[in-house]
N, C-alpha and C. Protein backbone atom coordinates (compact mmCIF):
# COMPACT_ATOMS: atom_id res chain seq x y z
N MET A 1 24.48 -0.12 -5.53
CA MET A 1 23.79 -0.26 -6.59
C MET A 1 23.77 1.18 -7.19
N ILE A 2 23.85 0.86 -8.42
CA ILE A 2 23.71 1.87 -9.30
C ILE A 2 22.12 2.47 -10.00
N HIS A 3 21.57 3.77 -10.20
CA HIS A 3 20.53 3.46 -10.79
C HIS A 3 20.81 4.41 -12.32
N LYS A 4 19.42 3.66 -13.38
CA LYS A 4 19.82 4.51 -14.67
C LYS A 4 18.19 4.95 -14.74
N PHE A 5 18.01 6.22 -15.33
CA PHE A 5 16.57 6.78 -15.74
C PHE A 5 16.76 6.59 -17.21
N VAL A 6 15.51 5.56 -17.43
CA VAL A 6 15.34 5.48 -18.78
C VAL A 6 13.63 5.53 -19.20
N GLU A 7 13.59 5.57 -20.43
CA GLU A 7 12.34 5.42 -20.81
C GLU A 7 11.12 4.33 -20.61
N TYR A 8 12.36 3.42 -21.28
CA TYR A 8 11.50 2.08 -21.12
C TYR A 8 12.87 1.12 -20.58
N ILE A 9 12.06 -0.07 -20.44
CA ILE A 9 13.45 -1.06 -19.31
C ILE A 9 13.92 -1.76 -20.66
N PRO A 10 15.06 -2.17 -20.64
CA PRO A 10 15.89 -2.78 -20.95
C PRO A 10 15.30 -4.38 -20.99
N GLU A 11 15.69 -5.01 -22.27
CA GLU A 11 15.34 -6.92 -21.71
C GLU A 11 16.21 -7.09 -21.44
N ASP A 12 17.81 -6.86 -20.90
CA ASP A 12 18.85 -7.18 -20.54
C ASP A 12 19.35 -6.67 -19.62
N LEU A 13 18.83 -6.85 -18.42
CA LEU A 13 19.18 -6.17 -17.00
C LEU A 13 20.44 -6.60 -16.78
N GLU A 14 21.24 -5.31 -15.99
CA GLU A 14 22.18 -5.54 -15.50
C GLU A 14 22.31 -5.84 -14.44
N ASP A 15 23.47 -6.87 -13.82
CA ASP A 15 23.60 -7.01 -11.90
C ASP A 15 23.65 -5.40 -11.63
N GLY A 16 22.86 -5.07 -10.47
CA GLY A 16 23.06 -4.03 -9.79
C GLY A 16 22.89 -2.53 -10.49
N VAL A 17 21.76 -2.71 -10.84
CA VAL A 17 21.30 -1.31 -11.66
C VAL A 17 19.82 -1.57 -11.45
N LEU A 18 19.19 -0.36 -10.70
CA LEU A 18 18.02 -0.15 -10.90
C LEU A 18 17.24 0.69 -12.06
N TYR A 19 16.61 0.52 -12.89
CA TYR A 19 16.20 1.06 -13.73
C TYR A 19 15.10 1.60 -13.33
N VAL A 20 14.91 2.90 -13.59
CA VAL A 20 13.88 3.74 -13.01
C VAL A 20 13.22 4.46 -14.86
N SER A 21 11.51 4.26 -14.47
CA SER A 21 11.23 4.68 -15.65
C SER A 21 10.48 5.53 -15.20
N ILE A 22 10.01 6.72 -15.09
CA ILE A 22 8.88 7.81 -14.71
C ILE A 22 7.99 7.61 -15.61
N ALA A 23 8.14 7.52 -17.07
CA ALA A 23 7.00 7.68 -17.92
C ALA A 23 6.20 6.48 -17.61
N TYR A 24 6.52 5.29 -17.17
CA TYR A 24 5.78 4.33 -16.84
C TYR A 24 5.61 3.49 -15.37
N ALA A 25 6.04 5.29 -14.54
CA ALA A 25 5.68 4.44 -13.12
C ALA A 25 6.28 3.26 -12.72
N THR A 26 7.75 2.92 -12.71
CA THR A 26 8.01 1.62 -12.77
C THR A 26 9.68 1.61 -12.44
N VAL A 27 10.14 0.85 -11.32
CA VAL A 27 11.50 0.67 -11.16
C VAL A 27 11.76 -0.88 -11.17
N VAL A 28 12.69 -1.47 -11.87
CA VAL A 28 13.22 -2.86 -12.52
C VAL A 28 14.47 -2.96 -12.17
N HIS A 29 14.67 -3.69 -11.71
CA HIS A 29 16.11 -4.75 -11.17
C HIS A 29 15.99 -5.92 -11.31
N LYS A 30 17.43 -6.42 -11.22
CA LYS A 30 17.54 -8.17 -10.68
C LYS A 30 17.74 -8.23 -9.50
N CYS A 31 17.13 -9.31 -8.89
CA CYS A 31 16.76 -9.73 -7.44
C CYS A 31 18.48 -9.59 -6.88
N CYS A 32 18.37 -8.72 -5.51
CA CYS A 32 19.97 -8.49 -4.83
C CYS A 32 20.14 -9.49 -4.53
N CYS A 33 19.59 -11.03 -4.40
CA CYS A 33 20.56 -12.13 -4.14
C CYS A 33 20.98 -12.59 -4.98
N GLY A 34 20.95 -12.35 -6.44
CA GLY A 34 22.01 -12.90 -7.26
C GLY A 34 21.21 -13.97 -8.08
N CYS A 35 20.28 -14.42 -7.51
CA CYS A 35 19.23 -15.45 -8.63
C CYS A 35 19.23 -15.06 -9.74
N GLY A 36 19.16 -13.91 -10.03
CA GLY A 36 18.82 -13.20 -11.47
C GLY A 36 17.50 -13.18 -11.75
N ASN A 37 16.47 -13.28 -11.05
CA ASN A 37 15.13 -12.78 -11.19
C ASN A 37 14.99 -11.42 -11.21
N GLU A 38 14.04 -11.08 -12.56
CA GLU A 38 13.70 -9.98 -12.57
C GLU A 38 12.79 -9.54 -11.63
N VAL A 39 12.98 -8.24 -10.73
CA VAL A 39 11.83 -7.57 -9.66
C VAL A 39 11.24 -6.33 -10.44
N VAL A 40 10.04 -6.31 -10.61
CA VAL A 40 9.24 -4.69 -10.69
C VAL A 40 8.46 -4.48 -9.68
N THR A 41 9.03 -3.17 -9.46
CA THR A 41 8.35 -2.37 -8.41
C THR A 41 7.37 -1.34 -8.62
N PRO A 42 6.34 -1.89 -8.91
CA PRO A 42 5.53 -0.10 -9.82
C PRO A 42 5.55 0.71 -8.41
N LEU A 43 5.32 2.27 -9.20
CA LEU A 43 5.29 3.65 -8.38
C LEU A 43 3.88 3.80 -8.52
N SER A 44 3.59 3.79 -7.33
CA SER A 44 2.08 4.18 -7.03
C SER A 44 1.81 4.74 -5.71
N PRO A 45 0.68 5.45 -5.35
CA PRO A 45 0.48 5.35 -4.05
C PRO A 45 0.06 4.55 -3.31
N THR A 46 -0.26 3.24 -3.64
CA THR A 46 -0.78 2.22 -2.99
C THR A 46 0.38 1.17 -3.27
N ASP A 47 1.50 1.25 -3.82
CA ASP A 47 2.42 0.65 -4.28
C ASP A 47 3.80 0.87 -3.52
N TRP A 48 5.20 0.97 -4.29
CA TRP A 48 6.12 1.76 -3.80
C TRP A 48 6.04 3.34 -4.05
N LYS A 49 6.96 3.61 -3.31
CA LYS A 49 7.42 5.25 -3.34
C LYS A 49 8.91 5.35 -3.51
N LEU A 50 9.34 6.29 -4.77
CA LEU A 50 10.65 6.49 -5.29
C LEU A 50 11.22 7.84 -4.66
N THR A 51 12.17 8.08 -3.94
CA THR A 51 12.84 9.29 -3.48
C THR A 51 14.27 8.92 -3.88
N TYR A 52 14.45 10.35 -5.07
CA TYR A 52 16.01 10.61 -5.74
C TYR A 52 16.12 12.05 -5.00
N ASP A 53 17.26 11.77 -4.05
CA ASP A 53 17.71 13.10 -3.96
C ASP A 53 19.08 14.07 -4.27
N GLY A 54 19.09 13.59 -5.86
CA GLY A 54 19.90 14.11 -6.97
C GLY A 54 20.83 13.28 -7.05
N ARG A 55 21.46 12.46 -6.18
CA ARG A 55 22.47 11.46 -6.20
C ARG A 55 22.35 10.00 -6.26
N SER A 56 21.10 9.73 -5.62
CA SER A 56 20.70 8.32 -5.19
C SER A 56 19.28 8.29 -4.78
N ILE A 57 18.76 6.80 -5.36
CA ILE A 57 17.62 6.38 -5.37
C ILE A 57 17.21 5.51 -4.08
N SER A 58 15.96 5.88 -3.65
CA SER A 58 15.38 5.04 -2.07
C SER A 58 14.40 4.25 -2.49
N LEU A 59 13.58 3.32 -2.19
CA LEU A 59 12.44 2.73 -2.64
C LEU A 59 11.78 2.33 -0.97
N TYR A 60 10.74 2.59 -0.93
CA TYR A 60 9.83 2.22 -0.05
C TYR A 60 8.44 2.03 -0.45
N PRO A 61 8.19 0.83 0.46
CA PRO A 61 8.76 -0.01 1.43
C PRO A 61 9.59 -0.94 1.05
N SER A 62 9.81 -1.71 2.16
CA SER A 62 10.63 -2.92 1.56
C SER A 62 10.37 -4.12 0.18
N ILE A 63 11.30 -4.69 -0.48
CA ILE A 63 10.81 -5.59 -1.40
C ILE A 63 10.73 -6.68 -0.99
N GLY A 64 10.19 -7.39 -1.14
CA GLY A 64 9.66 -8.98 -0.19
C GLY A 64 9.28 -9.81 -1.36
N ASN A 65 10.55 -10.22 -2.09
CA ASN A 65 10.19 -11.43 -3.40
C ASN A 65 9.36 -12.90 -2.99
N TRP A 66 8.21 -12.92 -2.27
CA TRP A 66 7.83 -13.46 -1.85
C TRP A 66 7.71 -15.21 -2.77
N SER A 67 7.10 -14.22 -3.91
CA SER A 67 6.85 -15.30 -5.09
C SER A 67 7.95 -16.13 -5.70
N LEU A 68 9.30 -15.66 -5.38
CA LEU A 68 10.29 -16.17 -5.83
C LEU A 68 10.83 -17.45 -5.42
N ALA A 69 11.65 -18.12 -5.67
CA ALA A 69 12.64 -19.29 -4.96
C ALA A 69 13.33 -18.72 -4.11
N CYS A 70 13.60 -18.01 -4.10
CA CYS A 70 14.79 -17.08 -3.33
C CYS A 70 14.06 -16.38 -1.63
N GLY A 71 12.97 -16.05 -2.15
CA GLY A 71 12.46 -15.47 -0.73
C GLY A 71 13.27 -14.53 -0.20
N SER A 72 13.86 -13.59 -1.15
CA SER A 72 14.77 -12.52 -0.70
C SER A 72 13.80 -11.42 0.12
N HIS A 73 14.04 -10.50 1.05
CA HIS A 73 13.66 -9.34 1.44
C HIS A 73 14.44 -8.35 1.97
N TYR A 74 14.21 -7.37 1.12
CA TYR A 74 15.50 -5.96 1.51
C TYR A 74 14.84 -4.38 1.21
N LEU A 75 15.75 -3.63 1.76
CA LEU A 75 15.22 -2.15 1.38
C LEU A 75 16.62 -1.81 0.67
N ILE A 76 15.75 -0.87 -0.44
CA ILE A 76 17.00 -0.07 -1.02
C ILE A 76 17.09 1.30 -0.44
N LYS A 77 18.05 1.78 0.17
CA LYS A 77 18.13 3.05 0.41
C LYS A 77 19.38 3.61 0.09
N ASN A 78 19.43 4.90 -0.61
CA ASN A 78 20.77 5.39 -0.73
C ASN A 78 21.31 4.45 -1.89
N ASN A 79 20.72 4.33 -2.67
CA ASN A 79 21.54 3.45 -3.97
C ASN A 79 22.07 1.67 -3.01
N GLU A 80 21.70 1.33 -1.97
CA GLU A 80 22.21 0.68 -1.00
C GLU A 80 21.31 -0.23 -0.52
N VAL A 81 21.64 -1.62 -0.67
CA VAL A 81 20.68 -2.95 -0.47
C VAL A 81 20.76 -3.31 1.52
N ILE A 82 20.41 -2.91 1.89
CA ILE A 82 20.04 -3.37 3.08
C ILE A 82 18.99 -4.37 3.12
N TRP A 83 19.60 -5.36 3.82
CA TRP A 83 18.99 -6.82 3.70
C TRP A 83 18.20 -6.85 5.06
N ALA A 84 16.67 -7.35 4.70
CA ALA A 84 15.68 -7.59 6.33
C ALA A 84 15.75 -9.08 6.12
N GLY A 85 14.89 -9.22 7.37
CA GLY A 85 14.88 -10.22 7.94
C GLY A 85 13.89 -11.15 7.28
N GLN A 86 13.82 -12.41 6.91
CA GLN A 86 13.07 -13.08 6.08
C GLN A 86 11.56 -13.24 6.93
N TRP A 87 10.99 -13.28 6.33
CA TRP A 87 9.15 -13.35 6.83
C TRP A 87 8.73 -15.23 7.03
N SER A 88 7.72 -15.08 8.08
CA SER A 88 7.02 -16.47 7.75
C SER A 88 5.94 -16.66 6.68
N ASP A 89 5.43 -17.92 6.40
CA ASP A 89 4.27 -17.76 5.79
C ASP A 89 2.91 -17.12 6.05
N ARG A 90 3.12 -17.33 7.32
CA ARG A 90 1.80 -16.20 7.95
C ARG A 90 2.10 -15.24 7.98
N ARG A 91 3.00 -14.13 8.02
CA ARG A 91 3.71 -13.03 8.29
C ARG A 91 3.20 -12.54 7.03
N ILE A 92 3.52 -13.25 5.71
CA ILE A 92 3.57 -12.90 4.53
C ILE A 92 2.13 -12.80 4.24
N ALA A 93 1.23 -14.03 4.74
CA ALA A 93 -0.29 -13.62 4.22
C ALA A 93 -0.70 -12.22 5.14
N ALA A 94 -0.45 -12.24 6.39
CA ALA A 94 -0.94 -11.00 7.13
C ALA A 94 -0.55 -9.88 6.37
N GLY A 95 0.65 -9.57 6.02
CA GLY A 95 1.06 -8.45 5.20
C GLY A 95 0.37 -8.13 3.65
N ARG A 96 0.00 -9.18 2.79
CA ARG A 96 -0.48 -9.75 1.80
C ARG A 96 -1.83 -9.17 1.72
N LEU A 97 -2.71 -9.23 2.87
CA LEU A 97 -4.03 -8.83 3.33
C LEU A 97 -4.33 -7.80 3.43
N LEU A 98 -2.95 -7.07 4.62
CA LEU A 98 -3.43 -5.82 4.75
C LEU A 98 -2.93 -4.55 3.34
N GLU A 99 -1.87 -4.90 2.79
CA GLU A 99 -2.15 -4.41 1.90
C GLU A 99 -2.97 -4.13 0.58
N SER A 100 -3.69 -5.18 0.67
CA SER A 100 -5.20 -5.51 -0.15
C SER A 100 -6.00 -4.39 0.50
N LEU A 101 -6.20 -4.45 1.62
CA LEU A 101 -7.06 -3.81 2.50
C LEU A 101 -7.13 -1.98 2.39
N GLU A 102 -5.73 -1.82 2.39
CA GLU A 102 -4.95 -0.55 1.99
C GLU A 102 -5.19 0.28 0.70
N LYS A 103 -5.22 -0.81 -0.36
CA LYS A 103 -5.42 -0.65 -1.36
C LYS A 103 -7.09 -0.33 -1.51
N GLN A 104 -8.12 -0.97 -1.30
CA GLN A 104 -9.18 -1.02 -1.23
C GLN A 104 -9.68 0.43 -0.34
N GLU A 105 -9.14 0.55 0.66
CA GLU A 105 -9.52 2.36 1.12
C GLU A 105 -8.91 3.14 0.21
N TYR A 106 -7.62 3.10 -0.47
CA TYR A 106 -7.31 4.15 -0.96
C TYR A 106 -8.32 4.25 -2.13
N TYR A 107 -8.62 3.47 -2.88
CA TYR A 107 -9.56 3.48 -4.19
C TYR A 107 -10.76 3.78 -3.33
N ARG A 108 -11.18 3.36 -2.15
CA ARG A 108 -12.56 3.44 -2.56
C ARG A 108 -12.76 5.22 -2.06
N GLU A 109 -11.85 5.67 -1.12
CA GLU A 109 -12.18 7.11 -0.95
C GLU A 109 -11.55 7.74 -2.30
N SER A 110 -10.91 7.53 -3.13
CA SER A 110 -10.56 8.42 -4.50
C SER A 110 -11.69 8.17 -5.41
N TYR A 111 -12.55 7.31 -5.03
CA TYR A 111 -13.22 6.76 -6.74
C TYR A 111 -14.95 7.52 -6.40
N VAL A 112 -14.81 8.35 -7.50
CA VAL A 112 -16.32 9.35 -7.61
C VAL A 112 -17.28 8.68 -8.92
N ASP A 113 -18.18 8.24 -8.25
CA ASP A 113 -19.37 7.88 -9.33
C ASP A 113 -19.52 8.66 -10.05
N PRO A 114 -19.49 8.65 -11.29
CA PRO A 114 -19.72 9.42 -12.46
C PRO A 114 -21.01 10.18 -12.38
N GLY A 115 -21.99 9.00 -12.04
CA GLY A 115 -23.60 9.85 -12.19
C GLY A 115 -24.01 10.58 -10.92
N GLN A 116 -23.15 10.34 -9.50
CA GLN A 116 -23.31 11.54 -8.44
C GLN A 116 -22.64 12.34 -8.83
N GLU A 117 -21.25 12.38 -9.42
CA GLU A 117 -21.04 13.37 -9.67
C GLU A 117 -21.42 14.60 -10.11
N GLU A 118 -22.32 14.23 -11.24
CA GLU A 118 -23.35 15.27 -11.85
C GLU A 118 -24.09 16.49 -10.93
N SER A 119 -24.39 15.46 -9.86
CA SER A 119 -25.72 15.99 -8.83
C SER A 119 -24.61 16.39 -7.68
N GLY A 120 -23.42 16.22 -7.70
CA GLY A 120 -23.10 17.18 -6.57
C GLY A 120 -22.79 16.43 -5.43
N ASN A 121 -23.55 15.25 -5.30
CA ASN A 121 -23.56 14.32 -4.16
C ASN A 121 -21.96 13.13 -4.32
N GLU A 122 -21.14 13.40 -3.45
CA GLU A 122 -20.20 12.51 -3.77
C GLU A 122 -19.99 11.47 -3.00
N GLU A 123 -20.90 11.33 -1.88
CA GLU A 123 -21.07 10.35 -0.84
C GLU A 123 -21.43 8.83 -1.71
N THR A 124 -20.81 7.81 -1.51
CA THR A 124 -21.21 6.33 -1.87
C THR A 124 -21.64 5.58 -0.58
N ASP A 125 -22.74 4.62 -0.95
CA ASP A 125 -22.80 3.65 -0.14
C ASP A 125 -21.72 2.26 -0.12
N GLY A 126 -20.64 2.36 -0.78
CA GLY A 126 -19.63 1.40 -0.86
C GLY A 126 -19.87 0.17 -1.63
N SER A 127 -21.08 0.44 -2.35
CA SER A 127 -21.57 -0.50 -3.27
C SER A 127 -20.62 -0.39 -4.59
N ASN A 128 -20.04 0.53 -4.63
CA ASN A 128 -18.78 0.76 -5.82
C ASN A 128 -17.63 0.66 -5.72
N ILE A 129 -17.23 -0.41 -4.37
CA ILE A 129 -15.94 -0.79 -4.23
C ILE A 129 -15.20 -2.04 -5.18
N VAL A 130 -13.82 -1.56 -5.65
CA VAL A 130 -13.50 -2.78 -6.42
C VAL A 130 -11.94 -3.18 -5.50
N VAL A 131 -12.45 -4.64 -5.46
CA VAL A 131 -11.61 -5.53 -4.75
C VAL A 131 -10.33 -5.57 -5.70
N LEU A 132 -9.10 -5.26 -5.40
CA LEU A 132 -7.66 -5.32 -5.96
C LEU A 132 -6.94 -6.56 -5.33
N LEU A 133 -6.53 -8.12 -5.91
CA LEU A 133 -6.27 -8.75 -5.12
C LEU A 133 -4.82 -8.88 -5.89
């Protein structure tokens, strides 16, 4: 694969190209299996991480296209596609649950109630947790 740094993701994606928009914290490409579907990997502390070494791109964690008919699963490391094993429906469900719990924990820890911010008391009772599904 090759990568292209862009501000906006083009309407027509080329096969084998990773489009990286730092401005929109997103990497988009056509599914590596050849099915032609668009794969969007948002970059954030709770989604994918991008590594650029000056020559190549790596994304972590793996990309599991569980919602696509192809169900492909792969890593992108140093602009290379590394195929990963298929996951069972049970493993996919467990992975999604774990991801949801990790997001809840991350956002719970980073959330500061504006009312408490003024008092200097940053502790919360957990009642302000937002569930991201």
